[in-house]
């Protein structure tokens, strides 16, 4: 089975990227790019560390990030499972990548940059929701911004309601953990989860 093992082989196999693939990348938020970021309530945050890579879903009411200026984004670290995989990585390697998705929009917006973690009380207070402040805020300095071709979302039919899976046809979190750990009560976990999430959203 043949494999590509060098950049020379890779470039020869795929050829040269078209003009539209290169001019769309800039190092700051243009007016249109900013409007996309401000319309997005969800993104995936990718970080890297000594143990490898991590990709974390991030969502918020309204904007998932706040635009501080054309080179800076602010992302509150809301309550979660306390694994802090992304934060551990950022402390040791500041490189991050974000992919913003908006339901109904067939493109995605990608941003690469460097991040650091702020625990400034005044900043945390500006992100308060329902009486709760985030434990920290991730400050991202933008290095590259570009939109991604729509083909992937179109092929997947991601926003087509007719293509959505019935959640009951997939394993629940409780079922997954019960399969992994003998004696774990997956049914009780699934039954308790909605109430627990409602009380710990922020």
C-alpha atoms as a PDB file:
ATOM      1  CA  UNK A   1       0.000   0.000   0.000  1.00  0.00           C
ATOM      2  CA  UNK A   2       1.620   3.311  -1.034  1.00  0.00           C
ATOM      3  CA  UNK A   3       1.908   6.145   1.472  1.00  0.00           C
ATOM      4  CA  UNK A   4       2.938   9.780   1.057  1.00  0.00           C
ATOM      5  CA  UNK A   5       5.967  10.420   3.254  1.00  0.00           C
ATOM      6  CA  UNK A   6       7.348  13.805   2.205  1.00  0.00           C
ATOM      7  CA  UNK A   7       6.111  17.323   1.490  1.00  0.00           C
ATOM      8  CA  UNK A   8       7.423  17.015  -2.050  1.00  0.00           C
ATOM      9  CA  UNK A   9       5.262  13.940  -2.664  1.00  0.00           C
ATOM     10  CA  UNK A  10       2.269  15.603  -1.024  1.00  0.00           C
ATOM     11  CA  UNK A  11       2.524  18.767  -3.125  1.00  0.00           C
ATOM     12  CA  UNK A  12       3.030  16.755  -6.297  1.00  0.00           C
ATOM     13  CA  UNK A  13      -0.072  14.677  -5.524  1.00  0.00           C
ATOM     14  CA  UNK A  14      -2.414  17.605  -4.742  1.00  0.00           C
ATOM     15  CA  UNK A  15      -1.038  20.419  -6.869  1.00  0.00           C
ATOM     16  CA  UNK A  16      -1.285  24.151  -6.184  1.00  0.00           C
ATOM     17  CA  UNK A  17      -4.141  25.686  -4.178  1.00  0.00           C
ATOM     18  CA  UNK A  18      -6.416  28.064  -6.054  1.00  0.00           C
ATOM     19  CA  UNK A  19      -6.526  31.808  -5.492  1.00  0.00           C
ATOM     20  CA  UNK A  20      -9.683  31.703  -3.355  1.00  0.00           C
ATOM     21  CA  UNK A  21      -8.004  29.208  -1.035  1.00  0.00           C
ATOM     22  CA  UNK A  22      -5.176  31.609  -0.243  1.00  0.00           C
ATOM     23  CA  UNK A  23      -6.553  35.164  -0.343  1.00  0.00           C
ATOM     24  CA  UNK A  24      -9.172  34.367   2.317  1.00  0.00           C
ATOM     25  CA  UNK A  25      -6.501  33.974   5.037  1.00  0.00           C
ATOM     26  CA  UNK A  26      -5.577  37.119   6.971  1.00  0.00           C
ATOM     27  CA  UNK A  27      -4.023  37.825  10.353  1.00  0.00           C
ATOM     28  CA  UNK A  28      -6.833  39.824  11.952  1.00  0.00           C
ATOM     29  CA  UNK A  29     -10.620  40.080  12.118  1.00  0.00           C
ATOM     30  CA  UNK A  30     -11.938  41.949   9.095  1.00  0.00           C
ATOM     31  CA  UNK A  31     -15.434  43.405   9.292  1.00  0.00           C
ATOM     32  CA  UNK A  32     -17.077  40.303   7.798  1.00  0.00           C
ATOM     33  CA  UNK A  33     -14.977  37.873   9.804  1.00  0.00           C
ATOM     34  CA  UNK A  34     -15.880  39.752  12.976  1.00  0.00           C
ATOM     35  CA  UNK A  35     -19.596  39.513  12.152  1.00  0.00           C
ATOM     36  CA  UNK A  36     -19.260  35.733  11.812  1.00  0.00           C
ATOM     37  CA  UNK A  37     -17.471  35.371  15.144  1.00  0.00           C
ATOM     38  CA  UNK A  38     -20.096  37.530  16.841  1.00  0.00           C
ATOM     39  CA  UNK A  39     -22.887  35.376  15.382  1.00  0.00           C
ATOM     40  CA  UNK A  40     -21.428  32.131  16.690  1.00  0.00           C
ATOM     41  CA  UNK A  41     -22.471  30.608  20.010  1.00  0.00           C
ATOM     42  CA  UNK A  42     -20.354  27.471  19.479  1.00  0.00           C
ATOM     43  CA  UNK A  43     -16.796  26.604  18.540  1.00  0.00           C
ATOM     44  CA  UNK A  44     -14.302  23.787  18.965  1.00  0.00           C
ATOM     45  CA  UNK A  45     -11.075  24.719  20.772  1.00  0.00           C
ATOM     46  CA  UNK A  46      -7.974  22.685  19.925  1.00  0.00           C
ATOM     47  CA  UNK A  47      -4.876  22.784  22.103  1.00  0.00           C
ATOM     48  CA  UNK A  48      -1.628  20.819  22.262  1.00  0.00           C
ATOM     49  CA  UNK A  49       0.564  19.655  25.124  1.00  0.00           C
ATOM     50  CA  UNK A  50       3.218  17.086  25.996  1.00  0.00           C
ATOM     51  CA  UNK A  51       0.598  14.326  26.196  1.00  0.00           C
ATOM     52  CA  UNK A  52      -0.807  15.159  22.761  1.00  0.00           C
ATOM     53  CA  UNK A  53      -3.758  17.080  21.354  1.00  0.00           C
ATOM     54  CA  UNK A  54      -7.126  18.017  22.832  1.00  0.00           C
ATOM     55  CA  UNK A  55     -10.265  19.292  21.105  1.00  0.00           C
ATOM     56  CA  UNK A  56     -12.913  20.762  23.391  1.00  0.00           C
ATOM     57  CA  UNK A  57     -16.451  21.922  22.512  1.00  0.00           C
ATOM     58  CA  UNK A  58     -17.187  25.447  23.724  1.00  0.00           C
ATOM     59  CA  UNK A  59     -20.621  27.043  23.809  1.00  0.00           C
ATOM     60  CA  UNK A  60     -22.250  30.001  25.484  1.00  0.00           C
ATOM     61  CA  UNK A  61     -25.454  31.994  25.504  1.00  0.00           C
ATOM     62  CA  UNK A  62     -25.026  34.586  22.769  1.00  0.00           C
ATOM     63  CA  UNK A  63     -21.403  34.784  21.668  1.00  0.00           C
ATOM     64  CA  UNK A  64     -19.054  31.920  22.485  1.00  0.00           C
ATOM     65  CA  UNK A  65     -16.203  34.462  22.521  1.00  0.00           C
ATOM     66  CA  UNK A  66     -16.036  38.211  23.015  1.00  0.00           C
ATOM     67  CA  UNK A  67     -14.173  40.272  20.448  1.00  0.00           C
ATOM     68  CA  UNK A  68     -11.857  42.609  22.358  1.00  0.00           C
ATOM     69  CA  UNK A  69     -10.275  44.025  19.200  1.00  0.00           C
ATOM     70  CA  UNK A  70      -9.323  42.863  15.699  1.00  0.00           C
ATOM     71  CA  UNK A  71      -6.478  40.739  17.103  1.00  0.00           C
ATOM     72  CA  UNK A  72      -7.901  39.562  20.435  1.00  0.00           C
ATOM     73  CA  UNK A  73     -10.677  37.193  21.534  1.00  0.00           C
ATOM     74  CA  UNK A  74     -11.852  36.471  25.076  1.00  0.00           C
ATOM     75  CA  UNK A  75     -13.396  33.088  25.937  1.00  0.00           C
ATOM     76  CA  UNK A  76     -14.870  32.463  29.407  1.00  0.00           C
ATOM     77  CA  UNK A  77     -14.121  29.047  30.856  1.00  0.00           C
ATOM     78  CA  UNK A  78     -17.583  28.037  32.058  1.00  0.00           C
ATOM     79  CA  UNK A  79     -18.354  25.184  34.435  1.00  0.00           C
ATOM     80  CA  UNK A  80     -17.599  21.731  33.099  1.00  0.00           C
ATOM     81  CA  UNK A  81     -16.135  18.418  34.179  1.00  0.00           C
ATOM     82  CA  UNK A  82     -13.046  19.983  35.796  1.00  0.00           C
ATOM     83  CA  UNK A  83     -10.628  17.922  33.676  1.00  0.00           C
ATOM     84  CA  UNK A  84      -9.055  21.226  32.499  1.00  0.00           C
ATOM     85  CA  UNK A  85      -7.378  19.439  29.574  1.00  0.00           C
ATOM     86  CA  UNK A  86      -7.375  22.588  27.427  1.00  0.00           C
ATOM     87  CA  UNK A  87      -6.120  24.821  30.222  1.00  0.00           C
ATOM     88  CA  UNK A  88      -3.286  22.462  31.155  1.00  0.00           C
ATOM     89  CA  UNK A  89      -2.174  22.473  27.540  1.00  0.00           C
ATOM     90  CA  UNK A  90      -2.350  26.267  27.170  1.00  0.00           C
ATOM     91  CA  UNK A  91      -0.162  26.791  30.250  1.00  0.00           C
ATOM     92  CA  UNK A  92       2.549  24.646  28.644  1.00  0.00           C
ATOM     93  CA  UNK A  93       2.007  25.432  24.945  1.00  0.00           C
ATOM     94  CA  UNK A  94       0.066  28.575  23.962  1.00  0.00           C
ATOM     95  CA  UNK A  95      -0.797  27.472  20.417  1.00  0.00           C
ATOM     96  CA  UNK A  96      -4.543  27.114  19.850  1.00  0.00           C
ATOM     97  CA  UNK A  97      -6.983  26.671  16.995  1.00  0.00           C
ATOM     98  CA  UNK A  98     -10.701  27.463  16.979  1.00  0.00           C
ATOM     99  CA  UNK A  99     -13.406  26.353  14.569  1.00  0.00           C
ATOM    100  CA  UNK A 100     -16.626  28.381  14.734  1.00  0.00           C
ATOM    101  CA  UNK A 101     -19.881  26.825  13.536  1.00  0.00           C
ATOM    102  CA  UNK A 102     -23.279  28.470  13.071  1.00  0.00           C
ATOM    103  CA  UNK A 103     -26.367  26.254  12.552  1.00  0.00           C
ATOM    104  CA  UNK A 104     -27.685  26.781   9.038  1.00  0.00           C
ATOM    105  CA  UNK A 105     -24.407  28.234   7.703  1.00  0.00           C
ATOM    106  CA  UNK A 106     -22.536  25.777   5.496  1.00  0.00           C
ATOM    107  CA  UNK A 107     -19.086  27.267   6.073  1.00  0.00           C
ATOM    108  CA  UNK A 108     -16.954  27.245   9.197  1.00  0.00           C
ATOM    109  CA  UNK A 109     -14.574  29.934  10.392  1.00  0.00           C
ATOM    110  CA  UNK A 110     -11.126  28.935  11.592  1.00  0.00           C
ATOM    111  CA  UNK A 111      -8.807  30.982  13.782  1.00  0.00           C
ATOM    112  CA  UNK A 112      -5.271  30.073  14.812  1.00  0.00           C
ATOM    113  CA  UNK A 113      -3.335  31.920  17.461  1.00  0.00           C
ATOM    114  CA  UNK A 114      -1.772  31.878  20.888  1.00  0.00           C
ATOM    115  CA  UNK A 115      -3.599  31.863  24.207  1.00  0.00           C
ATOM    116  CA  UNK A 116      -3.059  32.658  27.844  1.00  0.00           C
ATOM    117  CA  UNK A 117      -5.278  32.281  30.898  1.00  0.00           C
ATOM    118  CA  UNK A 118      -6.507  35.291  32.865  1.00  0.00           C
ATOM    119  CA  UNK A 119      -7.969  35.198  36.371  1.00  0.00           C
ATOM    120  CA  UNK A 120      -8.303  38.986  36.655  1.00  0.00           C
ATOM    121  CA  UNK A 121     -11.331  39.568  38.931  1.00  0.00           C
ATOM    122  CA  UNK A 122     -12.537  42.596  36.992  1.00  0.00           C
ATOM    123  CA  UNK A 123     -12.484  40.659  33.731  1.00  0.00           C
ATOM    124  CA  UNK A 124     -14.197  37.609  35.228  1.00  0.00           C
ATOM    125  CA  UNK A 125     -16.960  39.844  36.551  1.00  0.00           C
ATOM    126  CA  UNK A 126     -17.818  41.030  33.038  1.00  0.00           C
ATOM    127  CA  UNK A 127     -18.716  37.452  32.070  1.00  0.00           C
ATOM    128  CA  UNK A 128     -21.048  36.774  35.000  1.00  0.00           C
ATOM    129  CA  UNK A 129     -24.157  34.755  34.130  1.00  0.00           C
ATOM    130  CA  UNK A 130     -26.998  34.049  36.556  1.00  0.00           C
ATOM    131  CA  UNK A 131     -24.806  35.028  39.482  1.00  0.00           C
ATOM    132  CA  UNK A 132     -21.864  32.843  38.460  1.00  0.00           C
ATOM    133  CA  UNK A 133     -18.511  33.970  37.074  1.00  0.00           C
ATOM    134  CA  UNK A 134     -16.189  31.773  34.994  1.00  0.00           C
ATOM    135  CA  UNK A 135     -13.154  30.386  36.814  1.00  0.00           C
ATOM    136  CA  UNK A 136     -10.907  31.946  34.171  1.00  0.00           C
ATOM    137  CA  UNK A 137     -10.944  33.648  30.781  1.00  0.00           C
ATOM    138  CA  UNK A 138      -8.870  32.445  27.843  1.00  0.00           C
ATOM    139  CA  UNK A 139      -7.326  35.363  25.962  1.00  0.00           C
ATOM    140  CA  UNK A 140      -6.519  34.466  22.352  1.00  0.00           C
ATOM    141  CA  UNK A 141      -4.179  36.547  20.201  1.00  0.00           C
ATOM    142  CA  UNK A 142      -5.120  35.983  16.560  1.00  0.00           C
ATOM    143  CA  UNK A 143      -2.488  34.926  14.043  1.00  0.00           C
ATOM    144  CA  UNK A 144      -4.600  33.577  11.172  1.00  0.00           C
ATOM    145  CA  UNK A 145      -8.299  33.790  10.224  1.00  0.00           C
ATOM    146  CA  UNK A 146      -9.992  32.081   7.278  1.00  0.00           C
ATOM    147  CA  UNK A 147     -13.268  30.437   6.340  1.00  0.00           C
ATOM    148  CA  UNK A 148     -13.411  26.789   5.329  1.00  0.00           C
ATOM    149  CA  UNK A 149     -14.977  25.426   2.173  1.00  0.00           C
ATOM    150  CA  UNK A 150     -18.612  24.372   2.635  1.00  0.00           C
ATOM    151  CA  UNK A 151     -18.280  20.946   1.021  1.00  0.00           C
ATOM    152  CA  UNK A 152     -17.742  19.028   4.270  1.00  0.00           C
ATOM    153  CA  UNK A 153     -20.937  20.301   5.909  1.00  0.00           C
ATOM    154  CA  UNK A 154     -22.867  19.893   2.663  1.00  0.00           C
ATOM    155  CA  UNK A 155     -21.679  16.283   2.265  1.00  0.00           C
ATOM    156  CA  UNK A 156     -22.565  15.530   5.882  1.00  0.00           C
ATOM    157  CA  UNK A 157     -25.995  17.168   5.622  1.00  0.00           C
ATOM    158  CA  UNK A 158     -25.222  18.585   9.043  1.00  0.00           C
ATOM    159  CA  UNK A 159     -28.054  21.103   9.164  1.00  0.00           C
ATOM    160  CA  UNK A 160     -30.692  18.994   7.390  1.00  0.00           C
ATOM    161  CA  UNK A 161     -33.312  18.000   9.930  1.00  0.00           C
ATOM    162  CA  UNK A 162     -34.193  14.956   7.819  1.00  0.00           C
ATOM    163  CA  UNK A 163     -30.633  13.655   8.297  1.00  0.00           C
ATOM    164  CA  UNK A 164     -30.558  14.129  12.070  1.00  0.00           C
ATOM    165  CA  UNK A 165     -30.169  10.943  14.067  1.00  0.00           C
ATOM    166  CA  UNK A 166     -32.681   9.892  16.693  1.00  0.00           C
ATOM    167  CA  UNK A 167     -30.716  10.299  19.983  1.00  0.00           C
ATOM    168  CA  UNK A 168     -32.298   7.118  21.303  1.00  0.00           C
ATOM    169  CA  UNK A 169     -30.510   5.181  18.564  1.00  0.00           C
ATOM    170  CA  UNK A 170     -27.127   6.134  20.054  1.00  0.00           C
ATOM    171  CA  UNK A 171     -25.553   5.079  23.360  1.00  0.00           C
ATOM    172  CA  UNK A 172     -26.107   7.508  26.234  1.00  0.00           C
ATOM    173  CA  UNK A 173     -23.233   8.738  28.446  1.00  0.00           C
ATOM    174  CA  UNK A 174     -24.438   6.434  31.208  1.00  0.00           C
ATOM    175  CA  UNK A 175     -24.414   3.438  28.869  1.00  0.00           C
ATOM    176  CA  UNK A 176     -20.890   4.280  27.723  1.00  0.00           C
ATOM    177  CA  UNK A 177     -19.524   4.456  31.267  1.00  0.00           C
ATOM    178  CA  UNK A 178     -21.406   1.348  32.344  1.00  0.00           C
ATOM    179  CA  UNK A 179     -19.760  -0.574  29.504  1.00  0.00           C
ATOM    180  CA  UNK A 180     -16.322   0.666  30.601  1.00  0.00           C
ATOM    181  CA  UNK A 181     -16.681   0.226  34.363  1.00  0.00           C
ATOM    182  CA  UNK A 182     -18.384  -2.820  35.784  1.00  0.00           C
ATOM    183  CA  UNK A 183     -20.961  -1.923  38.423  1.00  0.00           C
ATOM    184  CA  UNK A 184     -21.407   1.666  37.267  1.00  0.00           C
ATOM    185  CA  UNK A 185     -25.096   2.621  37.374  1.00  0.00           C
ATOM    186  CA  UNK A 186     -25.526   4.156  33.925  1.00  0.00           C
ATOM    187  CA  UNK A 187     -29.298   4.362  34.155  1.00  0.00           C
ATOM    188  CA  UNK A 188     -29.144   6.419  37.351  1.00  0.00           C
ATOM    189  CA  UNK A 189     -26.482   8.689  35.844  1.00  0.00           C
ATOM    190  CA  UNK A 190     -28.610   9.408  32.765  1.00  0.00           C
ATOM    191  CA  UNK A 191     -31.705  10.028  34.895  1.00  0.00           C
ATOM    192  CA  UNK A 192     -29.897  12.504  37.162  1.00  0.00           C
ATOM    193  CA  UNK A 193     -27.939  14.318  34.457  1.00  0.00           C
ATOM    194  CA  UNK A 194     -30.592  16.801  33.178  1.00  0.00           C
ATOM    195  CA  UNK A 195     -31.263  18.159  36.667  1.00  0.00           C
ATOM    196  CA  UNK A 196     -27.576  18.318  37.526  1.00  0.00           C
ATOM    197  CA  UNK A 197     -26.786  20.166  34.293  1.00  0.00           C
ATOM    198  CA  UNK A 198     -29.586  22.676  34.865  1.00  0.00           C
ATOM    199  CA  UNK A 199     -28.152  23.556  38.271  1.00  0.00           C
ATOM    200  CA  UNK A 200     -24.543  23.839  37.098  1.00  0.00           C
ATOM    201  CA  UNK A 201     -24.829  25.478  33.643  1.00  0.00           C
ATOM    202  CA  UNK A 202     -22.827  28.570  34.621  1.00  0.00           C
END
